[in-house]
Amino acid sequence: MPTAMEQRLDRVVHELNEIRKEMILLKAPPAVRAGRKINAWKSLGKKISVRWDHVSAVDEIRQQRDRV
């Protein structure tokens, strides 16, 4: 059977863990902002894909090596 001091210590440790979780959540960027950034990158990727001249990356590198 835990003593009163052990019980108090357990409660304090539990509270500290809860505070630590809250601090981590406060430091984390909001999901909405992160979602907007992801959507921006996806739309940029689509724009680049539309403009792509359909040359594969391997062929592009070969062409660059041939120029040198």
PDB file of N, CA and C in Angstrom:
ATOM      1  N   MET A   1       0.848  -1.172   0.000  1.00  0.00           N
ATOM      2  CA  MET A   1       0.000   0.000   0.000  1.00  0.00           C
ATOM      3  C   MET A   1       0.897   1.240   0.000  1.00  0.00           C
ATOM      4  N   PRO A   2       0.699   2.120  -0.995  1.00  0.00           N
ATOM      5  CA  PRO A   2       1.541   3.311  -1.075  1.00  0.00           C
ATOM      6  C   PRO A   2       1.271   4.263   0.085  1.00  0.00           C
ATOM      7  N   THR A   3       2.316   4.878   0.520  1.00  0.00           N
ATOM      8  CA  THR A   3       2.185   5.849   1.605  1.00  0.00           C
ATOM      9  C   THR A   3       1.607   7.150   1.055  1.00  0.00           C
ATOM     10  N   ALA A   4       1.261   8.037   1.967  1.00  0.00           N
ATOM     11  CA  ALA A   4       0.686   9.325   1.566  1.00  0.00           C
ATOM     12  C   ALA A   4       1.688  10.123   0.735  1.00  0.00           C
ATOM     13  N   MET A   5       2.961  10.037   1.095  1.00  0.00           N
ATOM     14  CA  MET A   5       3.998  10.761   0.360  1.00  0.00           C
ATOM     15  C   MET A   5       4.116  10.205  -1.066  1.00  0.00           C
ATOM     16  N   GLU A   6       4.057   8.892  -1.217  1.00  0.00           N
ATOM     17  CA  GLU A   6       4.128   8.274  -2.554  1.00  0.00           C
ATOM     18  C   GLU A   6       2.922   8.668  -3.405  1.00  0.00           C
ATOM     19  N   GLN A   7       1.758   8.727  -2.778  1.00  0.00           N
ATOM     20  CA  GLN A   7       0.555   9.133  -3.503  1.00  0.00           C
ATOM     21  C   GLN A   7       0.671  10.581  -3.974  1.00  0.00           C
ATOM     22  N   ARG A   8       1.154  11.448  -3.098  1.00  0.00           N
ATOM     23  CA  ARG A   8       1.338  12.855  -3.483  1.00  0.00           C
ATOM     24  C   ARG A   8       2.339  12.969  -4.625  1.00  0.00           C
ATOM     25  N   LEU A   9       3.422  12.212  -4.519  1.00  0.00           N
ATOM     26  CA  LEU A   9       4.440  12.235  -5.566  1.00  0.00           C
ATOM     27  C   LEU A   9       3.856  11.741  -6.893  1.00  0.00           C
ATOM     28  N   ASP A  10       3.054  10.699  -6.856  1.00  0.00           N
ATOM     29  CA  ASP A  10       2.403  10.198  -8.070  1.00  0.00           C
ATOM     30  C   ASP A  10       1.501  11.261  -8.690  1.00  0.00           C
ATOM     31  N   ARG A  11       0.747  11.980  -7.851  1.00  0.00           N
ATOM     32  CA  ARG A  11      -0.128  13.037  -8.361  1.00  0.00           C
ATOM     33  C   ARG A  11       0.683  14.161  -8.997  1.00  0.00           C
ATOM     34  N   VAL A  12       1.795  14.529  -8.345  1.00  0.00           N
ATOM     35  CA  VAL A  12       2.642  15.599  -8.881  1.00  0.00           C
ATOM     36  C   VAL A  12       3.242  15.172 -10.221  1.00  0.00           C
ATOM     37  N   VAL A  13       3.711  13.948 -10.304  1.00  0.00           N
ATOM     38  CA  VAL A  13       4.278  13.440 -11.558  1.00  0.00           C
ATOM     39  C   VAL A  13       3.211  13.440 -12.645  1.00  0.00           C
ATOM     40  N   HIS A  14       2.013  13.015 -12.287  1.00  0.00           N
ATOM     41  CA  HIS A  14       0.913  13.009 -13.254  1.00  0.00           C
ATOM     42  C   HIS A  14       0.615  14.427 -13.746  1.00  0.00           C
ATOM     43  N   GLU A  15       0.561  15.375 -12.831  1.00  0.00           N
ATOM     44  CA  GLU A  15       0.302  16.769 -13.200  1.00  0.00           C
ATOM     45  C   GLU A  15       1.407  17.316 -14.100  1.00  0.00           C
ATOM     46  N   LEU A  16       2.659  16.988 -13.778  1.00  0.00           N
ATOM     47  CA  LEU A  16       3.773  17.446 -14.614  1.00  0.00           C
ATOM     48  C   LEU A  16       3.676  16.872 -16.027  1.00  0.00           C
ATOM     49  N   ASN A  17       3.293  15.617 -16.121  1.00  0.00           N
ATOM     50  CA  ASN A  17       3.121  15.012 -17.446  1.00  0.00           C
ATOM     51  C   ASN A  17       2.008  15.700 -18.229  1.00  0.00           C
ATOM     52  N   GLU A  18       0.934  16.047 -17.561  1.00  0.00           N
ATOM     53  CA  GLU A  18      -0.167  16.749 -18.220  1.00  0.00           C
ATOM     54  C   GLU A  18       0.273  18.138 -18.681  1.00  0.00           C
ATOM     55  N   ILE A  19       1.030  18.828 -17.845  1.00  0.00           N
ATOM     56  CA  ILE A  19       1.537  20.158 -18.218  1.00  0.00           C
ATOM     57  C   ILE A  19       2.473  20.041 -19.415  1.00  0.00           C
ATOM     58  N   ARG A  20       3.322  19.024 -19.414  1.00  0.00           N
ATOM     59  CA  ARG A  20       4.243  18.813 -20.529  1.00  0.00           C
ATOM     60  C   ARG A  20       3.467  18.591 -21.830  1.00  0.00           C
ATOM     61  N   LYS A  21       2.406  17.797 -21.778  1.00  0.00           N
ATOM     62  CA  LYS A  21       1.572  17.562 -22.965  1.00  0.00           C
ATOM     63  C   LYS A  21       0.960  18.868 -23.472  1.00  0.00           C
ATOM     64  N   GLU A  22       0.456  19.672 -22.551  1.00  0.00           N
ATOM     65  CA  GLU A  22      -0.143  20.952 -22.941  1.00  0.00           C
ATOM     66  C   GLU A  22       0.885  21.875 -23.579  1.00  0.00           C
ATOM     67  N   MET A  23       2.100  21.894 -23.038  1.00  0.00           N
ATOM     68  CA  MET A  23       3.151  22.745 -23.599  1.00  0.00           C
ATOM     69  C   MET A  23       3.520  22.296 -25.011  1.00  0.00           C
ATOM     70  N   ILE A  24       3.583  21.002 -25.225  1.00  0.00           N
ATOM     71  CA  ILE A  24       3.891  20.484 -26.558  1.00  0.00           C
ATOM     72  C   ILE A  24       2.801  20.882 -27.534  1.00  0.00           C
ATOM     73  N   LEU A  25       1.559  20.775 -27.118  1.00  0.00           N
ATOM     74  CA  LEU A  25       0.449  21.149 -27.996  1.00  0.00           C
ATOM     75  C   LEU A  25       0.456  22.641 -28.301  1.00  0.00           C
ATOM     76  N   LEU A  26       0.849  23.452 -27.338  1.00  0.00           N
ATOM     77  CA  LEU A  26       0.908  24.896 -27.575  1.00  0.00           C
ATOM     78  C   LEU A  26       2.019  25.262 -28.554  1.00  0.00           C
ATOM     79  N   LYS A  27       3.111  24.518 -28.541  1.00  0.00           N
ATOM     80  CA  LYS A  27       4.223  24.785 -29.449  1.00  0.00           C
ATOM     81  C   LYS A  27       3.945  24.290 -30.864  1.00  0.00           C
ATOM     82  N   ALA A  28       3.081  23.295 -30.997  1.00  0.00           N
ATOM     83  CA  ALA A  28       2.799  22.710 -32.308  1.00  0.00           C
ATOM     84  C   ALA A  28       2.041  23.713 -33.171  1.00  0.00           C
ATOM     85  N   PRO A  29       2.391  23.787 -34.466  1.00  0.00           N
ATOM     86  CA  PRO A  29       1.659  24.710 -35.344  1.00  0.00           C
ATOM     87  C   PRO A  29       0.222  24.223 -35.530  1.00  0.00           C
ATOM     88  N   PRO A  30      -0.687  25.143 -35.661  1.00  0.00           N
ATOM     89  CA  PRO A  30      -2.078  24.738 -35.860  1.00  0.00           C
ATOM     90  C   PRO A  30      -2.230  23.901 -37.126  1.00  0.00           C
ATOM     91  N   ALA A  31      -3.114  22.934 -37.066  1.00  0.00           N
ATOM     92  CA  ALA A  31      -3.320  22.029 -38.195  1.00  0.00           C
ATOM     93  C   ALA A  31      -3.842  22.772 -39.416  1.00  0.00           C
ATOM     94  N   VAL A  32      -4.598  23.818 -39.204  1.00  0.00           N
ATOM     95  CA  VAL A  32      -5.157  24.572 -40.330  1.00  0.00           C
ATOM     96  C   VAL A  32      -4.036  25.208 -41.141  1.00  0.00           C
ATOM     97  N   ARG A  33      -3.085  25.821 -40.458  1.00  0.00           N
ATOM     98  CA  ARG A  33      -1.975  26.474 -41.146  1.00  0.00           C
ATOM     99  C   ARG A  33      -1.141  25.437 -41.899  1.00  0.00           C
ATOM    100  N   ALA A  34      -0.886  24.309 -41.262  1.00  0.00           N
ATOM    101  CA  ALA A  34      -0.113  23.252 -41.910  1.00  0.00           C
ATOM    102  C   ALA A  34      -0.874  22.708 -43.115  1.00  0.00           C
ATOM    103  N   GLY A  35      -2.185  22.576 -42.979  1.00  0.00           N
ATOM    104  CA  GLY A  35      -3.005  22.102 -44.096  1.00  0.00           C
ATOM    105  C   GLY A  35      -2.958  23.046 -45.276  1.00  0.00           C
ATOM    106  N   ARG A  36      -2.961  24.350 -44.995  1.00  0.00           N
ATOM    107  CA  ARG A  36      -2.871  25.338 -46.078  1.00  0.00           C
ATOM    108  C   ARG A  36      -1.538  25.230 -46.805  1.00  0.00           C
ATOM    109  N   LYS A  37      -0.472  25.023 -46.054  1.00  0.00           N
ATOM    110  CA  LYS A  37       0.843  24.891 -46.677  1.00  0.00           C
ATOM    111  C   LYS A  37       0.901  23.649 -47.560  1.00  0.00           C
ATOM    112  N   ILE A  38       0.337  22.564 -47.089  1.00  0.00           N
ATOM    113  CA  ILE A  38       0.317  21.335 -47.884  1.00  0.00           C
ATOM    114  C   ILE A  38      -0.480  21.557 -49.157  1.00  0.00           C
ATOM    115  N   ASN A  39      -1.632  22.195 -49.039  1.00  0.00           N
ATOM    116  CA  ASN A  39      -2.450  22.466 -50.225  1.00  0.00           C
ATOM    117  C   ASN A  39      -1.724  23.379 -51.202  1.00  0.00           C
ATOM    118  N   ALA A  40      -0.986  24.349 -50.688  1.00  0.00           N
ATOM    119  CA  ALA A  40      -0.227  25.251 -51.560  1.00  0.00           C
ATOM    120  C   ALA A  40       0.825  24.476 -52.340  1.00  0.00           C
ATOM    121  N   TRP A  41       1.524  23.571 -51.672  1.00  0.00           N
ATOM    122  CA  TRP A  41       2.534  22.773 -52.369  1.00  0.00           C
ATOM    123  C   TRP A  41       1.895  21.861 -53.406  1.00  0.00           C
ATOM    124  N   LYS A  42       0.741  21.291 -53.077  1.00  0.00           N
ATOM    125  CA  LYS A  42       0.058  20.416 -54.039  1.00  0.00           C
ATOM    126  C   LYS A  42      -0.383  21.193 -55.268  1.00  0.00           C
ATOM    127  N   SER A  43      -0.934  22.379 -55.070  1.00  0.00           N
ATOM    128  CA  SER A  43      -1.374  23.169 -56.220  1.00  0.00           C
ATOM    129  C   SER A  43      -0.171  23.622 -57.043  1.00  0.00           C
ATOM    130  N   LEU A  44       0.936  23.951 -56.388  1.00  0.00           N
ATOM    131  CA  LEU A  44       2.149  24.309 -57.115  1.00  0.00           C
ATOM    132  C   LEU A  44       2.646  23.117 -57.931  1.00  0.00           C
ATOM    133  N   GLY A  45       2.584  21.938 -57.359  1.00  0.00           N
ATOM    134  CA  GLY A  45       2.978  20.727 -58.083  1.00  0.00           C
ATOM    135  C   GLY A  45       2.117  20.505 -59.311  1.00  0.00           C
ATOM    136  N   LYS A  46       0.823  20.765 -59.196  1.00  0.00           N
ATOM    137  CA  LYS A  46      -0.073  20.615 -60.347  1.00  0.00           C
ATOM    138  C   LYS A  46       0.269  21.620 -61.436  1.00  0.00           C
ATOM    139  N   LYS A  47       0.573  22.868 -61.048  1.00  0.00           N
ATOM    140  CA  LYS A  47       0.938  23.886 -62.037  1.00  0.00           C
ATOM    141  C   LYS A  47       2.216  23.493 -62.771  1.00  0.00           C
ATOM    142  N   ILE A  48       3.179  22.975 -62.037  1.00  0.00           N
ATOM    143  CA  ILE A  48       4.431  22.553 -62.659  1.00  0.00           C
ATOM    144  C   ILE A  48       4.182  21.373 -63.586  1.00  0.00           C
ATOM    145  N   SER A  49       3.334  20.443 -63.172  1.00  0.00           N
ATOM    146  CA  SER A  49       3.035  19.282 -64.006  1.00  0.00           C
ATOM    147  C   SER A  49       2.391  19.693 -65.317  1.00  0.00           C
ATOM    148  N   VAL A  50       1.540  20.714 -65.286  1.00  0.00           N
ATOM    149  CA  VAL A  50       0.886  21.185 -66.508  1.00  0.00           C
ATOM    150  C   VAL A  50       1.916  21.762 -67.471  1.00  0.00           C
ATOM    151  N   ARG A  51       2.899  22.478 -66.948  1.00  0.00           N
ATOM    152  CA  ARG A  51       3.919  23.110 -67.789  1.00  0.00           C
ATOM    153  C   ARG A  51       5.048  22.155 -68.189  1.00  0.00           C
ATOM    154  N   TRP A  52       5.098  20.985 -67.597  1.00  0.00           N
ATOM    155  CA  TRP A  52       6.193  20.050 -67.830  1.00  0.00           C
ATOM    156  C   TRP A  52       6.221  19.631 -69.285  1.00  0.00           C
ATOM    157  N   ASP A  53       7.411  19.546 -69.860  1.00  0.00           N
ATOM    158  CA  ASP A  53       7.525  19.196 -71.279  1.00  0.00           C
ATOM    159  C   ASP A  53       7.610  17.688 -71.501  1.00  0.00           C
ATOM    160  N   HIS A  54       7.297  16.921 -70.497  1.00  0.00           N
ATOM    161  CA  HIS A  54       7.198  15.462 -70.553  1.00  0.00           C
ATOM    162  C   HIS A  54       8.525  14.786 -70.859  1.00  0.00           C
ATOM    163  N   VAL A  55       9.625  15.446 -70.573  1.00  0.00           N
ATOM    164  CA  VAL A  55      10.930  14.813 -70.664  1.00  0.00           C
ATOM    165  C   VAL A  55      11.205  14.199 -69.298  1.00  0.00           C
ATOM    166  N   SER A  56      11.602  12.928 -69.304  1.00  0.00           N
ATOM    167  CA  SER A  56      11.846  12.285 -68.011  1.00  0.00           C
ATOM    168  C   SER A  56      13.080  12.892 -67.354  1.00  0.00           C
ATOM    169  N   ALA A  57      13.171  12.720 -66.068  1.00  0.00           N
ATOM    170  CA  ALA A  57      14.304  13.275 -65.329  1.00  0.00           C
ATOM    171  C   ALA A  57      15.618  12.673 -65.817  1.00  0.00           C
ATOM    172  N   VAL A  58      15.601  11.394 -66.156  1.00  0.00           N
ATOM    173  CA  VAL A  58      16.812  10.728 -66.646  1.00  0.00           C
ATOM    174  C   VAL A  58      17.247  11.345 -67.967  1.00  0.00           C
ATOM    175  N   ASP A  59      16.291  11.560 -68.876  1.00  0.00           N
ATOM    176  CA  ASP A  59      16.624  12.173 -70.166  1.00  0.00           C
ATOM    177  C   ASP A  59      17.131  13.600 -69.985  1.00  0.00           C
ATOM    178  N   GLU A  60      16.538  14.318 -69.063  1.00  0.00           N
ATOM    179  CA  GLU A  60      16.971  15.692 -68.791  1.00  0.00           C
ATOM    180  C   GLU A  60      18.426  15.716 -68.328  1.00  0.00           C
ATOM    181  N   ILE A  61      18.784  14.797 -67.444  1.00  0.00           N
ATOM    182  CA  ILE A  61      20.163  14.730 -66.951  1.00  0.00           C
ATOM    183  C   ILE A  61      21.106  14.343 -68.081  1.00  0.00           C
ATOM    184  N   ARG A  62      20.688  13.410 -68.929  1.00  0.00           N
ATOM    185  CA  ARG A  62      21.518  13.020 -70.083  1.00  0.00           C
ATOM    186  C   ARG A  62      21.770  14.215 -70.996  1.00  0.00           C
ATOM    187  N   GLN A  63      20.730  14.987 -71.253  1.00  0.00           N
ATOM    188  CA  GLN A  63      20.877  16.160 -72.116  1.00  0.00           C
ATOM    189  C   GLN A  63      21.849  17.165 -71.503  1.00  0.00           C
ATOM    190  N   GLN A  64      21.770  17.347 -70.210  1.00  0.00           N
ATOM    191  CA  GLN A  64      22.669  18.291 -69.547  1.00  0.00           C
ATOM    192  C   GLN A  64      24.111  17.799 -69.594  1.00  0.00           C
ATOM    193  N   ARG A  65      24.316  16.494 -69.474  1.00  0.00           N
ATOM    194  CA  ARG A  65      25.674  15.946 -69.539  1.00  0.00           C
ATOM    195  C   ARG A  65      26.232  16.051 -70.952  1.00  0.00           C
ATOM    196  N   ASP A  66      25.369  15.872 -71.951  1.00  0.00           N
ATOM    197  CA  ASP A  66      25.819  15.961 -73.338  1.00  0.00           C
ATOM    198  C   ASP A  66      26.256  17.377 -73.679  1.00  0.00           C
ATOM    199  N   ARG A  67      25.653  18.368 -73.054  1.00  0.00           N
ATOM    200  CA  ARG A  67      25.991  19.767 -73.329  1.00  0.00           C
ATOM    201  C   ARG A  67      27.381  20.126 -72.821  1.00  0.00           C
ATOM    202  N   VAL A  68      27.818  19.445 -71.795  1.00  0.00           N
ATOM    203  CA  VAL A  68      29.103  19.797 -71.162  1.00  0.00           C
ATOM    204  C   VAL A  68      30.259  19.252 -71.903  1.00  0.00           C
TER     205      VAL A  68
END
